[in-house]
């Protein structure tokens, strides 16, 4: 088990929050500076947080599956291209 101090745990938690905020802002096309000027934007992000978290989680889970599917079809595409050459 790796021990983390409270400061390290806080920093990693803060980093995750900052990463998530960056993802949300990118997804909703919101400038992070606008959040400071308009707190209603932050309210919007927070109210839709669960939906976007579920999307992120789903894409994360599908990544390895998609890679497997692509790896299986790459050989098929190469075989098809060789036959047509």
PDB file of N, CA and C in Angstrom:
ATOM      1  N   UNK A   1       0.835  -1.179   0.000  1.00  0.00           N
ATOM      2  CA  UNK A   1       0.000   0.000   0.000  1.00  0.00           C
ATOM      3  C   UNK A   1       0.883   1.247   0.000  1.00  0.00           C
ATOM      4  N   UNK A   2       0.534   2.202  -0.826  1.00  0.00           N
ATOM      5  CA  UNK A   2       1.283   3.446  -0.907  1.00  0.00           C
ATOM      6  C   UNK A   2       0.625   4.450   0.019  1.00  0.00           C
ATOM      7  N   UNK A   3       1.440   5.043   0.863  1.00  0.00           N
ATOM      8  CA  UNK A   3       0.921   6.032   1.805  1.00  0.00           C
ATOM      9  C   UNK A   3       0.970   7.410   1.165  1.00  0.00           C
ATOM     10  N   UNK A   4      -0.133   8.132   1.285  1.00  0.00           N
ATOM     11  CA  UNK A   4      -0.163   9.514   0.833  1.00  0.00           C
ATOM     12  C   UNK A   4      -0.499  10.404   2.018  1.00  0.00           C
ATOM     13  N   UNK A   5       0.211  11.495   2.119  1.00  0.00           N
ATOM     14  CA  UNK A   5      -0.116  12.450   3.172  1.00  0.00           C
ATOM     15  C   UNK A   5      -1.442  13.121   2.834  1.00  0.00           C
ATOM     16  N   UNK A   6      -2.008  13.789   3.809  1.00  0.00           N
ATOM     17  CA  UNK A   6      -3.268  14.487   3.565  1.00  0.00           C
ATOM     18  C   UNK A   6      -3.102  15.541   2.480  1.00  0.00           C
ATOM     19  N   UNK A   7      -1.936  16.197   2.453  1.00  0.00           N
ATOM     20  CA  UNK A   7      -1.689  17.210   1.427  1.00  0.00           C
ATOM     21  C   UNK A   7      -1.679  16.584   0.040  1.00  0.00           C
ATOM     22  N   UNK A   8      -1.030  15.426  -0.092  1.00  0.00           N
ATOM     23  CA  UNK A   8      -0.982  14.743  -1.384  1.00  0.00           C
ATOM     24  C   UNK A   8      -2.366  14.280  -1.802  1.00  0.00           C
ATOM     25  N   UNK A   9      -3.143  13.769  -0.869  1.00  0.00           N
ATOM     26  CA  UNK A   9      -4.499  13.340  -1.187  1.00  0.00           C
ATOM     27  C   UNK A   9      -5.335  14.536  -1.619  1.00  0.00           C
ATOM     28  N   UNK A  10      -5.189  15.647  -0.909  1.00  0.00           N
ATOM     29  CA  UNK A  10      -5.925  16.855  -1.264  1.00  0.00           C
ATOM     30  C   UNK A  10      -5.525  17.329  -2.653  1.00  0.00           C
ATOM     31  N   UNK A  11      -4.209  17.360  -2.922  1.00  0.00           N
ATOM     32  CA  UNK A  11      -3.725  17.814  -4.220  1.00  0.00           C
ATOM     33  C   UNK A  11      -4.246  16.932  -5.342  1.00  0.00           C
ATOM     34  N   UNK A  12      -4.245  15.608  -5.151  1.00  0.00           N
ATOM     35  CA  UNK A  12      -4.723  14.724  -6.210  1.00  0.00           C
ATOM     36  C   UNK A  12      -6.225  14.887  -6.395  1.00  0.00           C
ATOM     37  N   UNK A  13      -6.948  15.097  -5.293  1.00  0.00           N
ATOM     38  CA  UNK A  13      -8.386  15.336  -5.406  1.00  0.00           C
ATOM     39  C   UNK A  13      -8.680  16.648  -6.109  1.00  0.00           C
ATOM     40  N   UNK A  14      -7.890  17.662  -5.791  1.00  0.00           N
ATOM     41  CA  UNK A  14      -8.054  18.960  -6.435  1.00  0.00           C
ATOM     42  C   UNK A  14      -7.725  18.855  -7.915  1.00  0.00           C
ATOM     43  N   UNK A  15      -6.668  18.131  -8.237  1.00  0.00           N
ATOM     44  CA  UNK A  15      -6.294  17.950  -9.634  1.00  0.00           C
ATOM     45  C   UNK A  15      -7.420  17.276 -10.396  1.00  0.00           C
ATOM     46  N   UNK A  16      -8.000  16.245  -9.803  1.00  0.00           N
ATOM     47  CA  UNK A  16      -9.106  15.570 -10.470  1.00  0.00           C
ATOM     48  C   UNK A  16     -10.260  16.536 -10.696  1.00  0.00           C
ATOM     49  N   UNK A  17     -10.557  17.378  -9.708  1.00  0.00           N
ATOM     50  CA  UNK A  17     -11.630  18.353  -9.864  1.00  0.00           C
ATOM     51  C   UNK A  17     -11.295  19.341 -10.973  1.00  0.00           C
ATOM     52  N   UNK A  18     -10.045  19.781 -11.031  1.00  0.00           N
ATOM     53  CA  UNK A  18      -9.635  20.718 -12.071  1.00  0.00           C
ATOM     54  C   UNK A  18      -9.706  20.060 -13.443  1.00  0.00           C
ATOM     55  N   UNK A  19      -9.297  18.794 -13.531  1.00  0.00           N
ATOM     56  CA  UNK A  19      -9.383  18.071 -14.796  1.00  0.00           C
ATOM     57  C   UNK A  19     -10.835  17.924 -15.220  1.00  0.00           C
ATOM     58  N   UNK A  20     -11.690  17.572 -14.260  1.00  0.00           N
ATOM     59  CA  UNK A  20     -13.111  17.420 -14.571  1.00  0.00           C
ATOM     60  C   UNK A  20     -13.706  18.744 -15.014  1.00  0.00           C
ATOM     61  N   UNK A  21     -13.360  19.825 -14.325  1.00  0.00           N
ATOM     62  CA  UNK A  21     -13.872  21.136 -14.708  1.00  0.00           C
ATOM     63  C   UNK A  21     -13.429  21.478 -16.125  1.00  0.00           C
ATOM     64  N   UNK A  22     -12.180  21.180 -16.455  1.00  0.00           N
ATOM     65  CA  UNK A  22     -11.684  21.444 -17.808  1.00  0.00           C
ATOM     66  C   UNK A  22     -12.463  20.630 -18.834  1.00  0.00           C
ATOM     67  N   UNK A  23     -12.764  19.379 -18.508  1.00  0.00           N
ATOM     68  CA  UNK A  23     -13.538  18.530 -19.416  1.00  0.00           C
ATOM     69  C   UNK A  23     -14.946  19.083 -19.580  1.00  0.00           C
ATOM     70  N   UNK A  24     -15.570  19.461 -18.473  1.00  0.00           N
ATOM     71  CA  UNK A  24     -16.924  20.013 -18.541  1.00  0.00           C
ATOM     72  C   UNK A  24     -16.948  21.284 -19.385  1.00  0.00           C
ATOM     73  N   UNK A  25     -15.982  22.160 -19.132  1.00  0.00           N
ATOM     74  CA  UNK A  25     -15.937  23.411 -19.883  1.00  0.00           C
ATOM     75  C   UNK A  25     -15.745  23.143 -21.369  1.00  0.00           C
ATOM     76  N   UNK A  26     -14.895  22.196 -21.692  1.00  0.00           N
ATOM     77  CA  UNK A  26     -14.682  21.832 -23.086  1.00  0.00           C
ATOM     78  C   UNK A  26     -15.963  21.268 -23.691  1.00  0.00           C
ATOM     79  N   UNK A  27     -16.615  20.379 -22.966  1.00  0.00           N
ATOM     80  CA  UNK A  27     -17.832  19.733 -23.461  1.00  0.00           C
ATOM     81  C   UNK A  27     -18.947  20.749 -23.688  1.00  0.00           C
ATOM     82  N   UNK A  28     -19.123  21.660 -22.736  1.00  0.00           N
ATOM     83  CA  UNK A  28     -20.200  22.640 -22.825  1.00  0.00           C
ATOM     84  C   UNK A  28     -19.767  23.937 -23.511  1.00  0.00           C
ATOM     85  N   UNK A  29     -18.544  23.966 -24.043  1.00  0.00           N
ATOM     86  CA  UNK A  29     -17.996  25.137 -24.736  1.00  0.00           C
ATOM     87  C   UNK A  29     -18.068  26.383 -23.855  1.00  0.00           C
ATOM     88  N   UNK A  30     -17.598  26.233 -22.628  1.00  0.00           N
ATOM     89  CA  UNK A  30     -17.592  27.325 -21.662  1.00  0.00           C
ATOM     90  C   UNK A  30     -16.145  27.697 -21.365  1.00  0.00           C
ATOM     91  N   UNK A  31     -15.851  28.974 -21.424  1.00  0.00           N
ATOM     92  CA  UNK A  31     -14.529  29.471 -21.052  1.00  0.00           C
ATOM     93  C   UNK A  31     -14.436  29.464 -19.530  1.00  0.00           C
ATOM     94  N   UNK A  32     -13.386  28.860 -18.987  1.00  0.00           N
ATOM     95  CA  UNK A  32     -13.254  28.768 -17.531  1.00  0.00           C
ATOM     96  C   UNK A  32     -13.235  30.142 -16.876  1.00  0.00           C
ATOM     97  N   UNK A  33     -12.738  31.144 -17.567  1.00  0.00           N
ATOM     98  CA  UNK A  33     -12.738  32.496 -17.013  1.00  0.00           C
ATOM     99  C   UNK A  33     -14.166  33.019 -16.853  1.00  0.00           C
ATOM    100  N   UNK A  34     -15.068  32.562 -17.724  1.00  0.00           N
ATOM    101  CA  UNK A  34     -16.466  32.977 -17.629  1.00  0.00           C
ATOM    102  C   UNK A  34     -17.112  32.494 -16.341  1.00  0.00           C
ATOM    103  N   UNK A  35     -16.670  31.344 -15.848  1.00  0.00           N
ATOM    104  CA  UNK A  35     -17.242  30.798 -14.613  1.00  0.00           C
ATOM    105  C   UNK A  35     -17.000  31.757 -13.454  1.00  0.00           C
ATOM    106  N   UNK A  36     -15.833  32.376 -13.446  1.00  0.00           N
ATOM    107  CA  UNK A  36     -15.522  33.327 -12.377  1.00  0.00           C
ATOM    108  C   UNK A  36     -16.410  34.565 -12.462  1.00  0.00           C
ATOM    109  N   UNK A  37     -16.759  34.952 -13.690  1.00  0.00           N
ATOM    110  CA  UNK A  37     -17.588  36.142 -13.874  1.00  0.00           C
ATOM    111  C   UNK A  37     -19.074  35.840 -13.734  1.00  0.00           C
ATOM    112  N   UNK A  38     -19.467  34.589 -14.048  1.00  0.00           N
ATOM    113  CA  UNK A  38     -20.892  34.237 -14.030  1.00  0.00           C
ATOM    114  C   UNK A  38     -21.093  32.923 -13.281  1.00  0.00           C
ATOM    115  N   UNK A  39     -21.387  32.992 -11.992  1.00  0.00           N
ATOM    116  CA  UNK A  39     -21.563  31.776 -11.186  1.00  0.00           C
ATOM    117  C   UNK A  39     -22.702  30.879 -11.673  1.00  0.00           C
ATOM    118  N   UNK A  40     -23.616  31.408 -12.471  1.00  0.00           N
ATOM    119  CA  UNK A  40     -24.705  30.584 -13.008  1.00  0.00           C
ATOM    120  C   UNK A  40     -24.147  29.475 -13.900  1.00  0.00           C
ATOM    121  N   UNK A  41     -23.032  29.745 -14.561  1.00  0.00           N
ATOM    122  CA  UNK A  41     -22.402  28.714 -15.390  1.00  0.00           C
ATOM    123  C   UNK A  41     -21.920  27.549 -14.537  1.00  0.00           C
ATOM    124  N   UNK A  42     -21.331  27.868 -13.394  1.00  0.00           N
ATOM    125  CA  UNK A  42     -20.886  26.812 -12.489  1.00  0.00           C
ATOM    126  C   UNK A  42     -22.086  26.012 -11.989  1.00  0.00           C
ATOM    127  N   UNK A  43     -23.186  26.688 -11.693  1.00  0.00           N
ATOM    128  CA  UNK A  43     -24.404  25.988 -11.278  1.00  0.00           C
ATOM    129  C   UNK A  43     -24.872  25.026 -12.367  1.00  0.00           C
ATOM    130  N   UNK A  44     -24.785  25.468 -13.631  1.00  0.00           N
ATOM    131  CA  UNK A  44     -25.182  24.617 -14.751  1.00  0.00           C
ATOM    132  C   UNK A  44     -24.293  23.378 -14.832  1.00  0.00           C
ATOM    133  N   UNK A  45     -23.000  23.588 -14.722  1.00  0.00           N
ATOM    134  CA  UNK A  45     -22.061  22.466 -14.789  1.00  0.00           C
ATOM    135  C   UNK A  45     -22.324  21.488 -13.658  1.00  0.00           C
ATOM    136  N   UNK A  46     -22.485  22.004 -12.457  1.00  0.00           N
ATOM    137  CA  UNK A  46     -22.722  21.139 -11.300  1.00  0.00           C
ATOM    138  C   UNK A  46     -24.027  20.372 -11.465  1.00  0.00           C
ATOM    139  N   UNK A  47     -25.060  21.028 -11.999  1.00  0.00           N
ATOM    140  CA  UNK A  47     -26.348  20.345 -12.160  1.00  0.00           C
ATOM    141  C   UNK A  47     -26.291  19.244 -13.214  1.00  0.00           C
ATOM    142  N   UNK A  48     -25.353  19.336 -14.138  1.00  0.00           N
ATOM    143  CA  UNK A  48     -25.208  18.320 -15.191  1.00  0.00           C
ATOM    144  C   UNK A  48     -23.989  17.425 -14.971  1.00  0.00           C
ATOM    145  N   UNK A  49     -23.393  17.546 -13.819  1.00  0.00           N
ATOM    146  CA  UNK A  49     -22.153  16.829 -13.514  1.00  0.00           C
ATOM    147  C   UNK A  49     -22.321  15.317 -13.620  1.00  0.00           C
ATOM    148  N   UNK A  50     -23.388  14.779 -13.086  1.00  0.00           N
ATOM    149  CA  UNK A  50     -23.565  13.327 -13.082  1.00  0.00           C
ATOM    150  C   UNK A  50     -23.675  12.777 -14.499  1.00  0.00           C
ATOM    151  N   UNK A  51     -24.373  13.490 -15.359  1.00  0.00           N
ATOM    152  CA  UNK A  51     -24.530  13.039 -16.742  1.00  0.00           C
ATOM    153  C   UNK A  51     -23.171  12.948 -17.423  1.00  0.00           C
ATOM    154  N   UNK A  52     -22.375  13.991 -17.282  1.00  0.00           N
ATOM    155  CA  UNK A  52     -21.070  13.990 -17.940  1.00  0.00           C
ATOM    156  C   UNK A  52     -20.127  12.988 -17.298  1.00  0.00           C
ATOM    157  N   UNK A  53     -20.208  12.824 -15.974  1.00  0.00           N
ATOM    158  CA  UNK A  53     -19.399  11.797 -15.307  1.00  0.00           C
ATOM    159  C   UNK A  53     -19.725  10.413 -15.860  1.00  0.00           C
ATOM    160  N   UNK A  54     -21.012  10.148 -16.101  1.00  0.00           N
ATOM    161  CA  UNK A  54     -21.409   8.850 -16.653  1.00  0.00           C
ATOM    162  C   UNK A  54     -20.891   8.678 -18.071  1.00  0.00           C
ATOM    163  N   UNK A  55     -20.923   9.743 -18.864  1.00  0.00           N
ATOM    164  CA  UNK A  55     -20.368   9.670 -20.216  1.00  0.00           C
ATOM    165  C   UNK A  55     -18.871   9.379 -20.182  1.00  0.00           C
ATOM    166  N   UNK A  56     -18.159  10.096 -19.324  1.00  0.00           N
ATOM    167  CA  UNK A  56     -16.713   9.891 -19.200  1.00  0.00           C
ATOM    168  C   UNK A  56     -16.421   8.463 -18.769  1.00  0.00           C
ATOM    169  N   UNK A  57     -17.174   7.975 -17.800  1.00  0.00           N
ATOM    170  CA  UNK A  57     -16.984   6.609 -17.311  1.00  0.00           C
ATOM    171  C   UNK A  57     -17.242   5.595 -18.423  1.00  0.00           C
ATOM    172  N   UNK A  58     -18.306   5.815 -19.179  1.00  0.00           N
ATOM    173  CA  UNK A  58     -18.633   4.902 -20.278  1.00  0.00           C
ATOM    174  C   UNK A  58     -17.548   4.870 -21.339  1.00  0.00           C
ATOM    175  N   UNK A  59     -17.050   6.044 -21.725  1.00  0.00           N
ATOM    176  CA  UNK A  59     -15.978   6.090 -22.715  1.00  0.00           C
ATOM    177  C   UNK A  59     -14.710   5.430 -22.183  1.00  0.00           C
ATOM    178  N   UNK A  60     -14.445   5.613 -20.895  1.00  0.00           N
ATOM    179  CA  UNK A  60     -13.272   4.995 -20.288  1.00  0.00           C
ATOM    180  C   UNK A  60     -13.383   3.479 -20.328  1.00  0.00           C
ATOM    181  N   UNK A  61     -14.563   2.962 -20.034  1.00  0.00           N
ATOM    182  CA  UNK A  61     -14.773   1.513 -20.060  1.00  0.00           C
ATOM    183  C   UNK A  61     -14.727   0.970 -21.481  1.00  0.00           C
ATOM    184  N   UNK A  62     -15.202   1.735 -22.444  1.00  0.00           N
ATOM    185  CA  UNK A  62     -15.267   1.256 -23.823  1.00  0.00           C
ATOM    186  C   UNK A  62     -13.916   1.319 -24.535  1.00  0.00           C
ATOM    187  N   UNK A  63     -12.984   2.110 -24.030  1.00  0.00           N
ATOM    188  CA  UNK A  63     -11.688   2.262 -24.689  1.00  0.00           C
ATOM    189  C   UNK A  63     -10.997   0.946 -24.989  1.00  0.00           C
ATOM    190  N   UNK A  64     -10.780   0.091 -23.987  1.00  0.00           N
ATOM    191  CA  UNK A  64     -10.119  -1.187 -24.251  1.00  0.00           C
ATOM    192  C   UNK A  64     -10.925  -2.093 -25.189  1.00  0.00           C
ATOM    193  N   UNK A  65     -12.238  -2.051 -25.071  1.00  0.00           N
ATOM    194  CA  UNK A  65     -13.082  -2.874 -25.946  1.00  0.00           C
ATOM    195  C   UNK A  65     -12.948  -2.388 -27.382  1.00  0.00           C
ATOM    196  N   UNK A  66     -12.989  -1.084 -27.587  1.00  0.00           N
ATOM    197  CA  UNK A  66     -12.833  -0.533 -28.932  1.00  0.00           C
ATOM    198  C   UNK A  66     -11.467  -0.868 -29.515  1.00  0.00           C
ATOM    199  N   UNK A  67     -10.443  -0.839 -28.675  1.00  0.00           N
ATOM    200  CA  UNK A  67      -9.101  -1.185 -29.151  1.00  0.00           C
ATOM    201  C   UNK A  67      -9.060  -2.641 -29.622  1.00  0.00           C
ATOM    202  N   UNK A  68      -9.686  -3.545 -28.878  1.00  0.00           N
ATOM    203  CA  UNK A  68      -9.729  -4.957 -29.273  1.00  0.00           C
ATOM    204  C   UNK A  68     -10.436  -5.117 -30.611  1.00  0.00           C
ATOM    205  N   UNK A  69     -11.560  -4.445 -30.756  1.00  0.00           N
ATOM    206  CA  UNK A  69     -12.323  -4.539 -32.003  1.00  0.00           C
ATOM    207  C   UNK A  69     -11.482  -4.020 -33.165  1.00  0.00           C
ATOM    208  N   UNK A  70     -10.842  -2.885 -32.979  1.00  0.00           N
ATOM    209  CA  UNK A  70      -9.998  -2.321 -34.037  1.00  0.00           C
ATOM    210  C   UNK A  70      -8.853  -3.259 -34.390  1.00  0.00           C
ATOM    211  N   UNK A  71      -8.216  -3.830 -33.369  1.00  0.00           N
ATOM    212  CA  UNK A  71      -7.107  -4.751 -33.614  1.00  0.00           C
ATOM    213  C   UNK A  71      -7.562  -5.955 -34.429  1.00  0.00           C
ATOM    214  N   UNK A  72      -8.766  -6.444 -34.167  1.00  0.00           N
ATOM    215  CA  UNK A  72      -9.276  -7.596 -34.904  1.00  0.00           C
ATOM    216  C   UNK A  72      -9.550  -7.243 -36.360  1.00  0.00           C
ATOM    217  N   UNK A  73     -10.045  -6.032 -36.618  1.00  0.00           N
ATOM    218  CA  UNK A  73     -10.408  -5.663 -37.975  1.00  0.00           C
ATOM    219  C   UNK A  73      -9.241  -5.134 -38.793  1.00  0.00           C
ATOM    220  N   UNK A  74      -8.165  -4.721 -38.166  1.00  0.00           N
ATOM    221  CA  UNK A  74      -7.002  -4.242 -38.911  1.00  0.00           C
ATOM    222  C   UNK A  74      -6.474  -5.354 -39.807  1.00  0.00           C
ATOM    223  N   UNK A  75      -6.378  -6.560 -39.275  1.00  0.00           N
ATOM    224  CA  UNK A  75      -5.908  -7.686 -40.083  1.00  0.00           C
ATOM    225  C   UNK A  75      -6.841  -7.939 -41.255  1.00  0.00           C
ATOM    226  N   UNK A  76      -8.137  -7.847 -41.034  1.00  0.00           N
ATOM    227  CA  UNK A  76      -9.106  -8.057 -42.112  1.00  0.00           C
ATOM    228  C   UNK A  76      -8.932  -7.012 -43.208  1.00  0.00           C
ATOM    229  N   UNK A  77      -8.749  -5.755 -42.815  1.00  0.00           N
ATOM    230  CA  UNK A  77      -8.572  -4.687 -43.791  1.00  0.00           C
ATOM    231  C   UNK A  77      -7.284  -4.882 -44.581  1.00  0.00           C
ATOM    232  N   UNK A  78      -6.225  -5.309 -43.903  1.00  0.00           N
ATOM    233  CA  UNK A  78      -4.952  -5.539 -44.594  1.00  0.00           C
ATOM    234  C   UNK A  78      -5.093  -6.682 -45.589  1.00  0.00           C
ATOM    235  N   UNK A  79      -5.762  -7.750 -45.190  1.00  0.00           N
ATOM    236  CA  UNK A  79      -5.981  -8.881 -46.087  1.00  0.00           C
ATOM    237  C   UNK A  79      -6.780  -8.442 -47.305  1.00  0.00           C
ATOM    238  N   UNK A  80      -7.808  -7.625 -47.092  1.00  0.00           N
ATOM    239  CA  UNK A  80      -8.653  -7.158 -48.178  1.00  0.00           C
ATOM    240  C   UNK A  80      -7.862  -6.270 -49.133  1.00  0.00           C
ATOM    241  N   UNK A  81      -7.022  -5.400 -48.599  1.00  0.00           N
ATOM    242  CA  UNK A  81      -6.206  -4.526 -49.439  1.00  0.00           C
ATOM    243  C   UNK A  81      -5.204  -5.338 -50.252  1.00  0.00           C
ATOM    244  N   UNK A  82      -4.642  -6.386 -49.669  1.00  0.00           N
ATOM    245  CA  UNK A  82      -3.680  -7.224 -50.389  1.00  0.00           C
ATOM    246  C   UNK A  82      -4.354  -7.976 -51.525  1.00  0.00           C
ATOM    247  N   UNK A  83      -5.592  -8.396 -51.334  1.00  0.00           N
ATOM    248  CA  UNK A  83      -6.323  -9.109 -52.383  1.00  0.00           C
ATOM    249  C   UNK A  83      -6.641  -8.184 -53.547  1.00  0.00           C
ATOM    250  N   UNK A  84      -6.918  -6.917 -53.246  1.00  0.00           N
ATOM    251  CA  UNK A  84      -7.287  -5.953 -54.281  1.00  0.00           C
ATOM    252  C   UNK A  84      -6.075  -5.366 -54.994  1.00  0.00           C
ATOM    253  N   UNK A  85      -4.869  -5.611 -54.504  1.00  0.00           N
ATOM    254  CA  UNK A  85      -3.660  -5.032 -55.118  1.00  0.00           C
ATOM    255  C   UNK A  85      -3.236  -5.798 -56.330  1.00  0.00           C
TER     256      UNK A  85
END
